[in-house]
């Protein structure tokens, strides 16, 4: 059995923060054409970022590393690298 404690809507606020971060990172990657590697995150937070950017036409995300140091990388999609 799992028990989740959510004080002051922490999870909702954290999710909103991560979605905003994902959008800012996607904009930066589109603008610069350079990949961005984030700090290690837990699986829940990585999933939020992947989901936030899965429909983006210009960037891809992937995770690498081993737990607990698994991190996300945001990159420009291959077809858009030619247009920079």
Protein backbone atom coordinates (compact mmCIF):
# COMPACT_ATOMS: atom_id res chain seq x y z
CA UNK A 1 0.00 0.00 0.00
CA UNK A 2 1.26 3.48 -0.88
CA UNK A 3 0.42 6.64 0.96
CA UNK A 4 0.83 10.05 -0.65
CA UNK A 5 0.95 13.18 1.44
CA UNK A 6 0.29 16.40 -0.44
CA UNK A 7 0.65 19.42 1.81
CA UNK A 8 -0.50 22.74 0.41
CA UNK A 9 -1.02 21.29 -3.09
CA UNK A 10 2.73 20.76 -3.39
CA UNK A 11 2.45 18.16 -6.16
CA UNK A 12 0.19 20.39 -8.28
CA UNK A 13 2.48 23.40 -7.83
CA UNK A 14 5.56 21.30 -8.60
CA UNK A 15 3.91 19.97 -11.75
CA UNK A 16 3.07 23.50 -12.91
CA UNK A 17 6.66 24.58 -12.23
CA UNK A 18 8.04 21.66 -14.24
CA UNK A 19 5.68 22.28 -17.18
CA UNK A 20 6.75 25.94 -17.27
CA UNK A 21 10.40 24.88 -17.09
CA UNK A 22 9.86 22.46 -19.98
CA UNK A 23 8.36 25.22 -22.14
CA UNK A 24 11.22 27.61 -21.37
CA UNK A 25 13.79 24.93 -22.13
CA UNK A 26 12.09 24.07 -25.42
CA UNK A 27 12.17 27.75 -26.39
CA UNK A 28 15.87 28.00 -25.50
CA UNK A 29 16.73 24.86 -27.48
CA UNK A 30 14.82 26.16 -30.52
CA UNK A 31 16.54 29.53 -30.26
CA UNK A 32 20.12 28.28 -29.74
CA UNK A 33 20.02 24.88 -31.42
CA UNK A 34 21.99 23.44 -28.50
CA UNK A 35 20.91 20.57 -26.31
CA UNK A 36 20.16 21.15 -22.64
CA UNK A 37 20.88 18.57 -19.96
CA UNK A 38 18.97 18.89 -16.69
CA UNK A 39 19.94 17.90 -13.17
CA UNK A 40 18.99 14.41 -11.95
CA UNK A 41 15.27 13.99 -11.23
CA UNK A 42 13.03 11.29 -9.92
CA UNK A 43 10.85 9.30 -12.33
CA UNK A 44 7.69 11.28 -11.52
CA UNK A 45 9.31 14.61 -12.40
CA UNK A 46 10.98 13.25 -15.55
CA UNK A 47 7.63 11.95 -16.74
CA UNK A 48 6.05 15.38 -16.32
CA UNK A 49 8.76 16.96 -18.48
CA UNK A 50 8.54 14.26 -21.16
CA UNK A 51 4.75 14.61 -21.31
CA UNK A 52 4.91 18.41 -21.43
CA UNK A 53 7.12 18.31 -24.53
CA UNK A 54 5.92 15.17 -26.30
CA UNK A 55 3.79 17.16 -28.77
CA UNK A 56 6.41 19.82 -29.48
CA UNK A 57 7.27 19.96 -33.20
CA UNK A 58 10.79 21.23 -32.65
CA UNK A 59 12.31 19.36 -29.69
CA UNK A 60 12.83 15.81 -28.45
CA UNK A 61 13.45 14.63 -24.92
CA UNK A 62 15.20 11.53 -23.65
CA UNK A 63 16.48 10.27 -20.32
CA UNK A 64 19.88 8.79 -19.62
CA UNK A 65 21.90 7.56 -16.68
CA UNK A 66 21.17 5.21 -13.84
CA UNK A 67 18.90 5.80 -10.88
CA UNK A 68 19.08 7.91 -8.78
CA UNK A 69 21.13 10.05 -11.18
CA UNK A 70 18.90 9.70 -14.23
CA UNK A 71 18.45 12.98 -16.07
CA UNK A 72 16.60 14.46 -19.04
CA UNK A 73 18.11 15.95 -22.16
CA UNK A 74 16.16 18.30 -24.43
CA UNK A 75 17.42 18.41 -28.03
CA UNK A 76 16.38 19.93 -31.32
CA UNK A 77 14.70 17.47 -33.66
CA UNK A 78 16.94 16.33 -36.50
CA UNK A 79 14.87 17.88 -39.30
CA UNK A 80 15.04 21.30 -37.61
CA UNK A 81 18.83 21.28 -37.20
CA UNK A 82 19.14 21.95 -40.91
CA UNK A 83 17.15 25.20 -40.62
CA UNK A 84 19.45 26.83 -38.04
